[in-house]
PDB file of N, CA and C in Angstrom:
ATOM      1  N   UNK A   1      -6.864  17.972 -18.501  1.00  0.00           N
ATOM      2  CA  UNK A   1      -7.406  18.285 -17.194  1.00  0.00           C
ATOM      3  C   UNK A   1      -6.701  17.433 -16.144  1.00  0.00           C
ATOM      4  N   UNK A   2      -6.053  18.077 -15.209  1.00  0.00           N
ATOM      5  CA  UNK A   2      -5.322  17.373 -14.161  1.00  0.00           C
ATOM      6  C   UNK A   2      -6.276  16.936 -13.062  1.00  0.00           C
ATOM      7  N   UNK A   3      -6.109  15.692 -12.642  1.00  0.00           N
ATOM      8  CA  UNK A   3      -6.986  15.152 -11.600  1.00  0.00           C
ATOM      9  C   UNK A   3      -6.245  15.094 -10.273  1.00  0.00           C
ATOM     10  N   UNK A   4      -6.895  15.558  -9.228  1.00  0.00           N
ATOM     11  CA  UNK A   4      -6.322  15.462  -7.892  1.00  0.00           C
ATOM     12  C   UNK A   4      -6.702  14.110  -7.300  1.00  0.00           C
ATOM     13  N   UNK A   5      -5.722  13.252  -7.149  1.00  0.00           N
ATOM     14  CA  UNK A   5      -5.949  11.932  -6.572  1.00  0.00           C
ATOM     15  C   UNK A   5      -5.719  12.036  -5.074  1.00  0.00           C
ATOM     16  N   UNK A   6      -6.654  11.483  -4.305  1.00  0.00           N
ATOM     17  CA  UNK A   6      -6.532  11.540  -2.849  1.00  0.00           C
ATOM     18  C   UNK A   6      -6.187  10.155  -2.305  1.00  0.00           C
ATOM     19  N   UNK A   7      -5.398  10.154  -1.238  1.00  0.00           N
ATOM     20  CA  UNK A   7      -4.875   8.927  -0.670  1.00  0.00           C
ATOM     21  C   UNK A   7      -5.118   8.848   0.832  1.00  0.00           C
ATOM     22  N   UNK A   8      -5.149   7.621   1.313  1.00  0.00           N
ATOM     23  CA  UNK A   8      -5.010   7.322   2.739  1.00  0.00           C
ATOM     24  C   UNK A   8      -3.845   6.348   2.838  1.00  0.00           C
ATOM     25  N   UNK A   9      -3.031   6.497   3.864  1.00  0.00           N
ATOM     26  CA  UNK A   9      -1.911   5.587   4.097  1.00  0.00           C
ATOM     27  C   UNK A   9      -2.150   4.896   5.428  1.00  0.00           C
ATOM     28  N   UNK A  10      -2.173   3.576   5.398  1.00  0.00           N
ATOM     29  CA  UNK A  10      -2.453   2.788   6.599  1.00  0.00           C
ATOM     30  C   UNK A  10      -1.223   1.967   6.967  1.00  0.00           C
ATOM     31  N   UNK A  11      -0.700   2.168   8.164  1.00  0.00           N
ATOM     32  CA  UNK A  11       0.418   1.377   8.662  1.00  0.00           C
ATOM     33  C   UNK A  11      -0.122   0.064   9.206  1.00  0.00           C
ATOM     34  N   UNK A  12       0.328  -1.045   8.637  1.00  0.00           N
ATOM     35  CA  UNK A  12      -0.138  -2.383   9.040  1.00  0.00           C
ATOM     36  C   UNK A  12       1.029  -3.130   9.665  1.00  0.00           C
ATOM     37  N   UNK A  13       1.353  -2.772  10.876  1.00  0.00           N
ATOM     38  CA  UNK A  13       2.520  -3.353  11.525  1.00  0.00           C
ATOM     39  C   UNK A  13       2.254  -3.532  13.012  1.00  0.00           C
ATOM     40  N   UNK A  14       2.780  -4.621  13.546  1.00  0.00           N
ATOM     41  CA  UNK A  14       2.698  -4.787  14.992  1.00  0.00           C
ATOM     42  C   UNK A  14       4.033  -4.430  15.644  1.00  0.00           C
ATOM     43  N   UNK A  15       4.981  -3.921  14.833  1.00  0.00           N
ATOM     44  CA  UNK A  15       6.273  -3.525  15.377  1.00  0.00           C
ATOM     45  C   UNK A  15       6.542  -2.033  15.265  1.00  0.00           C
ATOM     46  N   UNK A  16       5.690  -1.305  14.527  1.00  0.00           N
ATOM     47  CA  UNK A  16       5.880   0.136  14.437  1.00  0.00           C
ATOM     48  C   UNK A  16       4.549   0.848  14.230  1.00  0.00           C
ATOM     49  N   UNK A  17       4.457   2.006  14.831  1.00  0.00           N
ATOM     50  CA  UNK A  17       3.277   2.845  14.663  1.00  0.00           C
ATOM     51  C   UNK A  17       3.550   3.905  13.623  1.00  0.00           C
ATOM     52  N   UNK A  18       2.653   4.871  13.507  1.00  0.00           N
ATOM     53  CA  UNK A  18       2.807   5.925  12.501  1.00  0.00           C
ATOM     54  C   UNK A  18       4.111   6.694  12.682  1.00  0.00           C
ATOM     55  N   UNK A  19       4.517   6.934  13.925  1.00  0.00           N
ATOM     56  CA  UNK A  19       5.752   7.684  14.179  1.00  0.00           C
ATOM     57  C   UNK A  19       6.972   6.975  13.608  1.00  0.00           C
ATOM     58  N   UNK A  20       7.001   5.648  13.737  1.00  0.00           N
ATOM     59  CA  UNK A  20       8.149   4.864  13.288  1.00  0.00           C
ATOM     60  C   UNK A  20       8.006   4.376  11.843  1.00  0.00           C
ATOM     61  N   UNK A  21       6.907   4.674  11.208  1.00  0.00           N
ATOM     62  CA  UNK A  21       6.639   4.182   9.854  1.00  0.00           C
ATOM     63  C   UNK A  21       7.305   5.086   8.828  1.00  0.00           C
ATOM     64  N   UNK A  22       8.592   4.821   8.555  1.00  0.00           N
ATOM     65  CA  UNK A  22       9.304   5.638   7.576  1.00  0.00           C
ATOM     66  C   UNK A  22       8.781   5.377   6.161  1.00  0.00           C
ATOM     67  N   UNK A  23       8.258   4.184   5.895  1.00  0.00           N
ATOM     68  CA  UNK A  23       7.689   3.885   4.575  1.00  0.00           C
ATOM     69  C   UNK A  23       6.470   4.767   4.325  1.00  0.00           C
ATOM     70  N   UNK A  24       5.585   4.849   5.298  1.00  0.00           N
ATOM     71  CA  UNK A  24       4.396   5.688   5.158  1.00  0.00           C
ATOM     72  C   UNK A  24       4.757   7.151   4.975  1.00  0.00           C
ATOM     73  N   UNK A  25       5.748   7.609   5.728  1.00  0.00           N
ATOM     74  CA  UNK A  25       6.188   9.006   5.603  1.00  0.00           C
ATOM     75  C   UNK A  25       6.775   9.262   4.221  1.00  0.00           C
ATOM     76  N   UNK A  26       7.556   8.305   3.706  1.00  0.00           N
ATOM     77  CA  UNK A  26       8.136   8.451   2.366  1.00  0.00           C
ATOM     78  C   UNK A  26       7.040   8.482   1.307  1.00  0.00           C
ATOM     79  N   UNK A  27       6.027   7.640   1.461  1.00  0.00           N
ATOM     80  CA  UNK A  27       4.906   7.634   0.514  1.00  0.00           C
ATOM     81  C   UNK A  27       4.154   8.958   0.554  1.00  0.00           C
ATOM     82  N   UNK A  28       3.972   9.485   1.742  1.00  0.00           N
ATOM     83  CA  UNK A  28       3.273  10.771   1.867  1.00  0.00           C
ATOM     84  C   UNK A  28       4.048  11.876   1.142  1.00  0.00           C
ATOM     85  N   UNK A  29       5.368  11.837   1.239  1.00  0.00           N
ATOM     86  CA  UNK A  29       6.203  12.802   0.525  1.00  0.00           C
ATOM     87  C   UNK A  29       6.076  12.630  -0.986  1.00  0.00           C
ATOM     88  N   UNK A  30       6.131  11.383  -1.465  1.00  0.00           N
ATOM     89  CA  UNK A  30       5.989  11.118  -2.894  1.00  0.00           C
ATOM     90  C   UNK A  30       4.624  11.564  -3.422  1.00  0.00           C
ATOM     91  N   UNK A  31       3.603  11.350  -2.636  1.00  0.00           N
ATOM     92  CA  UNK A  31       2.250  11.785  -3.015  1.00  0.00           C
ATOM     93  C   UNK A  31       2.221  13.297  -3.185  1.00  0.00           C
ATOM     94  N   UNK A  32       2.764  14.015  -2.211  1.00  0.00           N
ATOM     95  CA  UNK A  32       2.783  15.484  -2.262  1.00  0.00           C
ATOM     96  C   UNK A  32       3.616  15.982  -3.439  1.00  0.00           C
ATOM     97  N   UNK A  33       4.749  15.319  -3.724  1.00  0.00           N
ATOM     98  CA  UNK A  33       5.610  15.728  -4.833  1.00  0.00           C
ATOM     99  C   UNK A  33       4.895  15.606  -6.181  1.00  0.00           C
ATOM    100  N   UNK A  34       3.904  14.742  -6.265  1.00  0.00           N
ATOM    101  CA  UNK A  34       3.137  14.579  -7.498  1.00  0.00           C
ATOM    102  C   UNK A  34       1.908  15.489  -7.545  1.00  0.00           C
ATOM    103  N   UNK A  35       1.738  16.320  -6.514  1.00  0.00           N
ATOM    104  CA  UNK A  35       0.622  17.248  -6.495  1.00  0.00           C
ATOM    105  C   UNK A  35      -0.676  16.636  -6.003  1.00  0.00           C
ATOM    106  N   UNK A  36      -0.583  15.451  -5.427  1.00  0.00           N
ATOM    107  CA  UNK A  36      -1.771  14.784  -4.902  1.00  0.00           C
ATOM    108  C   UNK A  36      -1.874  15.042  -3.412  1.00  0.00           C
ATOM    109  N   UNK A  37      -2.857  14.437  -2.771  1.00  0.00           N
ATOM    110  CA  UNK A  37      -3.114  14.743  -1.353  1.00  0.00           C
ATOM    111  C   UNK A  37      -3.293  13.468  -0.539  1.00  0.00           C
ATOM    112  N   UNK A  38      -2.587  13.410   0.579  1.00  0.00           N
ATOM    113  CA  UNK A  38      -2.824  12.354   1.562  1.00  0.00           C
ATOM    114  C   UNK A  38      -3.793  12.938   2.584  1.00  0.00           C
ATOM    115  N   UNK A  39      -5.017  12.459   2.565  1.00  0.00           N
ATOM    116  CA  UNK A  39      -6.071  13.027   3.405  1.00  0.00           C
ATOM    117  C   UNK A  39      -6.183  12.367   4.759  1.00  0.00           C
ATOM    118  N   UNK A  40      -5.633  11.154   4.893  1.00  0.00           N
ATOM    119  CA  UNK A  40      -5.947  10.411   6.099  1.00  0.00           C
ATOM    120  C   UNK A  40      -4.938   9.306   6.373  1.00  0.00           C
ATOM    121  N   UNK A  41      -4.925   8.889   7.614  1.00  0.00           N
ATOM    122  CA  UNK A  41      -4.203   7.684   8.024  1.00  0.00           C
ATOM    123  C   UNK A  41      -5.174   6.705   8.671  1.00  0.00           C
ATOM    124  N   UNK A  42      -6.463   6.926   8.435  1.00  0.00           N
ATOM    125  CA  UNK A  42      -7.518   6.045   8.923  1.00  0.00           C
ATOM    126  C   UNK A  42      -8.437   5.759   7.738  1.00  0.00           C
ATOM    127  N   UNK A  43      -8.718   4.493   7.475  1.00  0.00           N
ATOM    128  CA  UNK A  43      -9.376   4.097   6.223  1.00  0.00           C
ATOM    129  C   UNK A  43     -10.712   4.780   5.989  1.00  0.00           C
ATOM    130  N   UNK A  44     -11.680   4.610   6.841  1.00  0.00           N
ATOM    131  CA  UNK A  44     -13.028   5.083   6.565  1.00  0.00           C
ATOM    132  C   UNK A  44     -13.305   6.485   7.076  1.00  0.00           C
ATOM    133  N   UNK A  45     -12.263   7.166   7.562  1.00  0.00           N
ATOM    134  CA  UNK A  45     -12.456   8.509   8.091  1.00  0.00           C
ATOM    135  C   UNK A  45     -12.682   9.528   6.974  1.00  0.00           C
ATOM    136  N   UNK A  46     -12.045   9.330   5.838  1.00  0.00           N
ATOM    137  CA  UNK A  46     -12.141  10.246   4.706  1.00  0.00           C
ATOM    138  C   UNK A  46     -12.533   9.471   3.456  1.00  0.00           C
ATOM    139  N   UNK A  47     -13.134  10.164   2.518  1.00  0.00           N
ATOM    140  CA  UNK A  47     -13.436   9.578   1.223  1.00  0.00           C
ATOM    141  C   UNK A  47     -12.221   9.811   0.331  1.00  0.00           C
ATOM    142  N   UNK A  48     -11.460   8.758   0.046  1.00  0.00           N
ATOM    143  CA  UNK A  48     -10.243   8.872  -0.750  1.00  0.00           C
ATOM    144  C   UNK A  48     -10.338   7.968  -1.968  1.00  0.00           C
ATOM    145  N   UNK A  49      -9.467   8.221  -2.935  1.00  0.00           N
ATOM    146  CA  UNK A  49      -9.435   7.403  -4.145  1.00  0.00           C
ATOM    147  C   UNK A  49      -8.620   6.128  -3.951  1.00  0.00           C
ATOM    148  N   UNK A  50      -7.470   6.262  -3.278  1.00  0.00           N
ATOM    149  CA  UNK A  50      -6.534   5.150  -3.147  1.00  0.00           C
ATOM    150  C   UNK A  50      -6.138   4.983  -1.681  1.00  0.00           C
ATOM    151  N   UNK A  51      -6.179   3.743  -1.213  1.00  0.00           N
ATOM    152  CA  UNK A  51      -5.701   3.403   0.128  1.00  0.00           C
ATOM    153  C   UNK A  51      -4.419   2.607  -0.051  1.00  0.00           C
ATOM    154  N   UNK A  52      -3.331   3.099   0.521  1.00  0.00           N
ATOM    155  CA  UNK A  52      -2.062   2.395   0.488  1.00  0.00           C
ATOM    156  C   UNK A  52      -1.807   1.806   1.865  1.00  0.00           C
ATOM    157  N   UNK A  53      -1.573   0.497   1.923  1.00  0.00           N
ATOM    158  CA  UNK A  53      -1.186  -0.120   3.184  1.00  0.00           C
ATOM    159  C   UNK A  53       0.318  -0.317   3.167  1.00  0.00           C
ATOM    160  N   UNK A  54       0.949  -0.174   4.311  1.00  0.00           N
ATOM    161  CA  UNK A  54       2.401  -0.376   4.445  1.00  0.00           C
ATOM    162  C   UNK A  54       2.645  -1.510   5.418  1.00  0.00           C
ATOM    163  N   UNK A  55       3.204  -2.600   4.904  1.00  0.00           N
ATOM    164  CA  UNK A  55       3.618  -3.699   5.767  1.00  0.00           C
ATOM    165  C   UNK A  55       2.601  -4.818   5.872  1.00  0.00           C
ATOM    166  N   UNK A  56       3.068  -5.919   6.441  1.00  0.00           N
ATOM    167  CA  UNK A  56       2.197  -7.054   6.725  1.00  0.00           C
ATOM    168  C   UNK A  56       1.887  -7.940   5.544  1.00  0.00           C
ATOM    169  N   UNK A  57       2.698  -7.865   4.470  1.00  0.00           N
ATOM    170  CA  UNK A  57       2.398  -8.672   3.289  1.00  0.00           C
ATOM    171  C   UNK A  57       3.452  -9.737   3.000  1.00  0.00           C
ATOM    172  N   UNK A  58       4.298 -10.004   3.988  1.00  0.00           N
ATOM    173  CA  UNK A  58       5.347 -11.005   3.820  1.00  0.00           C
ATOM    174  C   UNK A  58       4.902 -12.383   4.282  1.00  0.00           C
ATOM    175  N   UNK A  59       5.884 -13.196   4.675  1.00  0.00           N
ATOM    176  CA  UNK A  59       5.607 -14.591   5.032  1.00  0.00           C
ATOM    177  C   UNK A  59       5.554 -14.864   6.529  1.00  0.00           C
ATOM    178  N   UNK A  60       5.777 -13.860   7.347  1.00  0.00           N
ATOM    179  CA  UNK A  60       5.655 -14.058   8.786  1.00  0.00           C
ATOM    180  C   UNK A  60       4.217 -14.462   9.106  1.00  0.00           C
ATOM    181  N   UNK A  61       4.034 -15.287  10.093  1.00  0.00           N
ATOM    182  CA  UNK A  61       2.677 -15.687  10.484  1.00  0.00           C
ATOM    183  C   UNK A  61       1.852 -14.498  10.953  1.00  0.00           C
ATOM    184  N   UNK A  62       2.528 -13.423  11.371  1.00  0.00           N
ATOM    185  CA  UNK A  62       1.815 -12.207  11.804  1.00  0.00           C
ATOM    186  C   UNK A  62       1.420 -11.324  10.628  1.00  0.00           C
ATOM    187  N   UNK A  63       1.947 -11.583   9.432  1.00  0.00           N
ATOM    188  CA  UNK A  63       1.648 -10.780   8.247  1.00  0.00           C
ATOM    189  C   UNK A  63       0.298 -11.190   7.677  1.00  0.00           C
ATOM    190  N   UNK A  64      -0.706 -10.391   7.963  1.00  0.00           N
ATOM    191  CA  UNK A  64      -2.071 -10.742   7.547  1.00  0.00           C
ATOM    192  C   UNK A  64      -2.745  -9.630   6.731  1.00  0.00           C
ATOM    193  N   UNK A  65      -1.963  -8.678   6.238  1.00  0.00           N
ATOM    194  CA  UNK A  65      -2.553  -7.582   5.471  1.00  0.00           C
ATOM    195  C   UNK A  65      -3.300  -8.063   4.225  1.00  0.00           C
ATOM    196  N   UNK A  66      -2.756  -9.012   3.436  1.00  0.00           N
ATOM    197  CA  UNK A  66      -3.522  -9.469   2.272  1.00  0.00           C
ATOM    198  C   UNK A  66      -4.870 -10.096   2.654  1.00  0.00           C
ATOM    199  N   UNK A  67      -4.886 -10.852   3.734  1.00  0.00           N
ATOM    200  CA  UNK A  67      -6.150 -11.461   4.173  1.00  0.00           C
ATOM    201  C   UNK A  67      -7.140 -10.398   4.627  1.00  0.00           C
ATOM    202  N   UNK A  68      -6.658  -9.403   5.347  1.00  0.00           N
ATOM    203  CA  UNK A  68      -7.537  -8.306   5.786  1.00  0.00           C
ATOM    204  C   UNK A  68      -8.047  -7.522   4.583  1.00  0.00           C
ATOM    205  N   UNK A  69      -7.191  -7.343   3.592  1.00  0.00           N
ATOM    206  CA  UNK A  69      -7.599  -6.637   2.371  1.00  0.00           C
ATOM    207  C   UNK A  69      -8.698  -7.414   1.659  1.00  0.00           C
ATOM    208  N   UNK A  70      -8.522  -8.728   1.554  1.00  0.00           N
ATOM    209  CA  UNK A  70      -9.559  -9.552   0.914  1.00  0.00           C
ATOM    210  C   UNK A  70     -10.888  -9.454   1.659  1.00  0.00           C
ATOM    211  N   UNK A  71     -10.816  -9.446   2.990  1.00  0.00           N
ATOM    212  CA  UNK A  71     -12.040  -9.355   3.790  1.00  0.00           C
ATOM    213  C   UNK A  71     -12.754  -8.021   3.602  1.00  0.00           C
ATOM    214  N   UNK A  72     -11.988  -6.955   3.396  1.00  0.00           N
ATOM    215  CA  UNK A  72     -12.562  -5.609   3.331  1.00  0.00           C
ATOM    216  C   UNK A  72     -12.970  -5.182   1.920  1.00  0.00           C
ATOM    217  N   UNK A  73     -12.519  -5.915   0.903  1.00  0.00           N
ATOM    218  CA  UNK A  73     -12.712  -5.459  -0.477  1.00  0.00           C
ATOM    219  C   UNK A  73     -13.644  -6.358  -1.266  1.00  0.00           C
ATOM    220  N   UNK A  74     -14.003  -5.863  -2.456  1.00  0.00           N
ATOM    221  CA  UNK A  74     -14.976  -6.535  -3.305  1.00  0.00           C
ATOM    222  C   UNK A  74     -14.354  -7.356  -4.427  1.00  0.00           C
ATOM    223  N   UNK A  75     -13.350  -6.775  -5.110  1.00  0.00           N
ATOM    224  CA  UNK A  75     -12.803  -7.425  -6.308  1.00  0.00           C
ATOM    225  C   UNK A  75     -11.283  -7.296  -6.358  1.00  0.00           C
ATOM    226  N   UNK A  76     -10.676  -8.338  -6.913  1.00  0.00           N
ATOM    227  CA  UNK A  76      -9.238  -8.351  -7.094  1.00  0.00           C
ATOM    228  C   UNK A  76      -8.863  -7.545  -8.337  1.00  0.00           C
ATOM    229  N   UNK A  77      -7.749  -6.812  -8.255  1.00  0.00           N
ATOM    230  CA  UNK A  77      -7.173  -6.090  -9.385  1.00  0.00           C
ATOM    231  C   UNK A  77      -5.729  -6.588  -9.500  1.00  0.00           C
ATOM    232  N   UNK A  78      -5.532  -7.794 -10.030  1.00  0.00           N
ATOM    233  CA  UNK A  78      -4.225  -8.460  -9.926  1.00  0.00           C
ATOM    234  C   UNK A  78      -3.097  -7.809 -10.708  1.00  0.00           C
ATOM    235  N   UNK A  79      -3.388  -7.081 -11.766  1.00  0.00           N
ATOM    236  CA  UNK A  79      -2.327  -6.533 -12.608  1.00  0.00           C
ATOM    237  C   UNK A  79      -1.362  -5.617 -11.876  1.00  0.00           C
ATOM    238  N   UNK A  80      -1.866  -4.809 -10.954  1.00  0.00           N
ATOM    239  CA  UNK A  80      -0.994  -3.865 -10.237  1.00  0.00           C
ATOM    240  C   UNK A  80      -0.021  -4.624  -9.338  1.00  0.00           C
ATOM    241  N   UNK A  81      -0.513  -5.590  -8.576  1.00  0.00           N
ATOM    242  CA  UNK A  81       0.370  -6.373  -7.695  1.00  0.00           C
ATOM    243  C   UNK A  81       1.372  -7.178  -8.521  1.00  0.00           C
ATOM    244  N   UNK A  82       0.934  -7.712  -9.658  1.00  0.00           N
ATOM    245  CA  UNK A  82       1.845  -8.453 -10.536  1.00  0.00           C
ATOM    246  C   UNK A  82       2.934  -7.533 -11.073  1.00  0.00           C
ATOM    247  N   UNK A  83       2.575  -6.318 -11.464  1.00  0.00           N
ATOM    248  CA  UNK A  83       3.552  -5.351 -11.978  1.00  0.00           C
ATOM    249  C   UNK A  83       4.541  -4.944 -10.892  1.00  0.00           C
ATOM    250  N   UNK A  84       4.048  -4.773  -9.659  1.00  0.00           N
ATOM    251  CA  UNK A  84       4.943  -4.422  -8.559  1.00  0.00           C
ATOM    252  C   UNK A  84       5.953  -5.541  -8.323  1.00  0.00           C
ATOM    253  N   UNK A  85       5.484  -6.790  -8.314  1.00  0.00           N
ATOM    254  CA  UNK A  85       6.397  -7.914  -8.108  1.00  0.00           C
ATOM    255  C   UNK A  85       7.402  -8.021  -9.253  1.00  0.00           C
ATOM    256  N   UNK A  86       6.941  -7.852 -10.501  1.00  0.00           N
ATOM    257  CA  UNK A  86       7.838  -7.932 -11.653  1.00  0.00           C
ATOM    258  C   UNK A  86       8.913  -6.847 -11.574  1.00  0.00           C
ATOM    259  N   UNK A  87       8.516  -5.627 -11.231  1.00  0.00           N
ATOM    260  CA  UNK A  87       9.477  -4.528 -11.090  1.00  0.00           C
ATOM    261  C   UNK A  87      10.473  -4.847  -9.967  1.00  0.00           C
ATOM    262  N   UNK A  88       9.976  -5.310  -8.849  1.00  0.00           N
ATOM    263  CA  UNK A  88      10.834  -5.594  -7.698  1.00  0.00           C
ATOM    264  C   UNK A  88      11.770  -6.766  -7.951  1.00  0.00           C
ATOM    265  N   UNK A  89      11.344  -7.722  -8.783  1.00  0.00           N
ATOM    266  CA  UNK A  89      12.210  -8.864  -9.099  1.00  0.00           C
ATOM    267  C   UNK A  89      13.480  -8.431  -9.818  1.00  0.00           C
ATOM    268  N   UNK A  90      13.433  -7.315 -10.519  1.00  0.00           N
ATOM    269  CA  UNK A  90      14.629  -6.787 -11.170  1.00  0.00           C
ATOM    270  C   UNK A  90      15.617  -6.247 -10.138  1.00  0.00           C
ATOM    271  N   UNK A  91      15.149  -6.025  -8.916  1.00  0.00           N
ATOM    272  CA  UNK A  91      15.968  -5.460  -7.850  1.00  0.00           C
ATOM    273  C   UNK A  91      16.410  -6.538  -6.867  1.00  0.00           C
ATOM    274  N   UNK A  92      15.485  -7.445  -6.530  1.00  0.00           N
ATOM    275  CA  UNK A  92      15.791  -8.497  -5.555  1.00  0.00           C
ATOM    276  C   UNK A  92      14.969  -9.753  -5.836  1.00  0.00           C
ATOM    277  N   UNK A  93      15.586 -10.932  -5.709  1.00  0.00           N
ATOM    278  CA  UNK A  93      14.814 -12.166  -5.917  1.00  0.00           C
ATOM    279  C   UNK A  93      13.784 -12.409  -4.811  1.00  0.00           C
ATOM    280  N   UNK A  94      13.921 -11.725  -3.691  1.00  0.00           N
ATOM    281  CA  UNK A  94      12.975 -11.898  -2.592  1.00  0.00           C
ATOM    282  C   UNK A  94      11.589 -11.331  -2.918  1.00  0.00           C
ATOM    283  N   UNK A  95      11.486 -10.546  -3.983  1.00  0.00           N
ATOM    284  CA  UNK A  95      10.203  -9.952  -4.362  1.00  0.00           C
ATOM    285  C   UNK A  95       9.145 -11.011  -4.621  1.00  0.00           C
ATOM    286  N   UNK A  96       9.580 -12.191  -5.057  1.00  0.00           N
ATOM    287  CA  UNK A  96       8.598 -13.245  -5.348  1.00  0.00           C
ATOM    288  C   UNK A  96       7.919 -13.760  -4.082  1.00  0.00           C
ATOM    289  N   UNK A  97       8.437 -13.399  -2.929  1.00  0.00           N
ATOM    290  CA  UNK A  97       7.834 -13.821  -1.664  1.00  0.00           C
ATOM    291  C   UNK A  97       6.743 -12.863  -1.184  1.00  0.00           C
ATOM    292  N   UNK A  98       6.558 -11.765  -1.893  1.00  0.00           N
ATOM    293  CA  UNK A  98       5.517 -10.812  -1.513  1.00  0.00           C
ATOM    294  C   UNK A  98       4.132 -11.408  -1.777  1.00  0.00           C
ATOM    295  N   UNK A  99       3.248 -11.205  -0.817  1.00  0.00           N
ATOM    296  CA  UNK A  99       1.857 -11.648  -0.968  1.00  0.00           C
ATOM    297  C   UNK A  99       0.938 -10.444  -1.178  1.00  0.00           C
ATOM    298  N   UNK A 100       1.526  -9.284  -1.496  1.00  0.00           N
ATOM    299  CA  UNK A 100       0.771  -8.044  -1.649  1.00  0.00           C
ATOM    300  C   UNK A 100      -0.344  -8.194  -2.674  1.00  0.00           C
ATOM    301  N   UNK A 101      -1.457  -7.528  -2.394  1.00  0.00           N
ATOM    302  CA  UNK A 101      -2.619  -7.524  -3.284  1.00  0.00           C
ATOM    303  C   UNK A 101      -2.964  -6.094  -3.676  1.00  0.00           C
ATOM    304  N   UNK A 102      -3.730  -5.995  -4.735  1.00  0.00           N
ATOM    305  CA  UNK A 102      -4.409  -4.753  -5.081  1.00  0.00           C
ATOM    306  C   UNK A 102      -5.860  -5.144  -5.303  1.00  0.00           C
ATOM    307  N   UNK A 103      -6.765  -4.453  -4.639  1.00  0.00           N
ATOM    308  CA  UNK A 103      -8.180  -4.794  -4.727  1.00  0.00           C
ATOM    309  C   UNK A 103      -9.019  -3.531  -4.817  1.00  0.00           C
ATOM    310  N   UNK A 104     -10.262  -3.727  -5.210  1.00  0.00           N
ATOM    311  CA  UNK A 104     -11.218  -2.629  -5.314  1.00  0.00           C
ATOM    312  C   UNK A 104     -12.249  -2.767  -4.199  1.00  0.00           C
ATOM    313  N   UNK A 105     -12.514  -1.647  -3.545  1.00  0.00           N
ATOM    314  CA  UNK A 105     -13.571  -1.577  -2.531  1.00  0.00           C
ATOM    315  C   UNK A 105     -14.492  -0.440  -2.952  1.00  0.00           C
ATOM    316  N   UNK A 106     -15.628  -0.796  -3.528  1.00  0.00           N
ATOM    317  CA  UNK A 106     -16.480   0.239  -4.104  1.00  0.00           C
ATOM    318  C   UNK A 106     -15.732   0.926  -5.222  1.00  0.00           C
ATOM    319  N   UNK A 107     -15.599   2.251  -5.136  1.00  0.00           N
ATOM    320  CA  UNK A 107     -14.833   2.984  -6.148  1.00  0.00           C
ATOM    321  C   UNK A 107     -13.385   3.229  -5.719  1.00  0.00           C
ATOM    322  N   UNK A 108     -12.994   2.661  -4.608  1.00  0.00           N
ATOM    323  CA  UNK A 108     -11.668   2.889  -4.042  1.00  0.00           C
ATOM    324  C   UNK A 108     -10.712   1.762  -4.424  1.00  0.00           C
ATOM    325  N   UNK A 109      -9.449   2.111  -4.617  1.00  0.00           N
ATOM    326  CA  UNK A 109      -8.404   1.147  -4.909  1.00  0.00           C
ATOM    327  C   UNK A 109      -7.591   0.955  -3.639  1.00  0.00           C
ATOM    328  N   UNK A 110      -7.348  -0.295  -3.246  1.00  0.00           N
ATOM    329  CA  UNK A 110      -6.555  -0.612  -2.063  1.00  0.00           C
ATOM    330  C   UNK A 110      -5.311  -1.354  -2.539  1.00  0.00           C
ATOM    331  N   UNK A 111      -4.129  -0.807  -2.224  1.00  0.00           N
ATOM    332  CA  UNK A 111      -2.874  -1.391  -2.676  1.00  0.00           C
ATOM    333  C   UNK A 111      -1.994  -1.707  -1.474  1.00  0.00           C
ATOM    334  N   UNK A 112      -1.601  -2.981  -1.355  1.00  0.00           N
ATOM    335  CA  UNK A 112      -0.675  -3.398  -0.298  1.00  0.00           C
ATOM    336  C   UNK A 112       0.751  -3.103  -0.745  1.00  0.00           C
ATOM    337  N   UNK A 113       1.482  -2.354   0.074  1.00  0.00           N
ATOM    338  CA  UNK A 113       2.883  -2.060  -0.196  1.00  0.00           C
ATOM    339  C   UNK A 113       3.755  -2.649   0.906  1.00  0.00           C
ATOM    340  N   UNK A 114       5.022  -2.874   0.605  1.00  0.00           N
ATOM    341  CA  UNK A 114       5.931  -3.396   1.631  1.00  0.00           C
ATOM    342  C   UNK A 114       6.088  -2.410   2.788  1.00  0.00           C
ATOM    343  N   UNK A 115       6.532  -2.929   3.912  1.00  0.00           N
ATOM    344  CA  UNK A 115       6.723  -2.094   5.092  1.00  0.00           C
ATOM    345  C   UNK A 115       8.057  -1.385   5.130  1.00  0.00           C
ATOM    346  N   UNK A 116       9.031  -1.845   4.335  1.00  0.00           N
ATOM    347  CA  UNK A 116      10.323  -1.157   4.339  1.00  0.00           C
ATOM    348  C   UNK A 116      10.238   0.083   3.459  1.00  0.00           C
ATOM    349  N   UNK A 117      10.896   1.156   3.896  1.00  0.00           N
ATOM    350  CA  UNK A 117      10.855   2.412   3.150  1.00  0.00           C
ATOM    351  C   UNK A 117      11.398   2.227   1.735  1.00  0.00           C
ATOM    352  N   UNK A 118      12.526   1.542   1.598  1.00  0.00           N
ATOM    353  CA  UNK A 118      13.135   1.342   0.285  1.00  0.00           C
ATOM    354  C   UNK A 118      12.179   0.615  -0.660  1.00  0.00           C
ATOM    355  N   UNK A 119      11.602  -0.489  -0.210  1.00  0.00           N
ATOM    356  CA  UNK A 119      10.704  -1.274  -1.061  1.00  0.00           C
ATOM    357  C   UNK A 119       9.404  -0.523  -1.362  1.00  0.00           C
ATOM    358  N   UNK A 120       8.896   0.224  -0.388  1.00  0.00           N
ATOM    359  CA  UNK A 120       7.668   1.005  -0.625  1.00  0.00           C
ATOM    360  C   UNK A 120       7.912   2.063  -1.686  1.00  0.00           C
ATOM    361  N   UNK A 121       9.059   2.752  -1.607  1.00  0.00           N
ATOM    362  CA  UNK A 121       9.401   3.766  -2.622  1.00  0.00           C
ATOM    363  C   UNK A 121       9.517   3.134  -4.000  1.00  0.00           C
ATOM    364  N   UNK A 122      10.162   1.974  -4.083  1.00  0.00           N
ATOM    365  CA  UNK A 122      10.369   1.302  -5.370  1.00  0.00           C
ATOM    366  C   UNK A 122       9.036   0.878  -6.004  1.00  0.00           C
ATOM    367  N   UNK A 123       8.092   0.529  -5.167  1.00  0.00           N
ATOM    368  CA  UNK A 123       6.798   0.084  -5.682  1.00  0.00           C
ATOM    369  C   UNK A 123       5.874   1.246  -5.961  1.00  0.00           C
TER     370      UNK A 123
END
């Protein structure tokens, strides 16, 4: 039985909006290619299974997506973020600088992804 997974994609950037968010657009394409659905670009507007954030998980003082994720969520799901970093380390040593989290909010999964299109696709 095939399950339709629904997503929301949230751009977490102070330098680009949805129009300039090529990472979010690439993720939306990947979601559609897998037969899933991106229902929203606003977190609480739709009931979705997975919330993907794009950007704000680096070391800049303005990068606060992991902290916002912790504030909004209930429980840490560290294995996914660890797997993303391990996969990315095979591509670039800078992956170890990612502060991305994966957390649970109720029945929803929230995953922080990088803001660059290339890194978001890889993760």
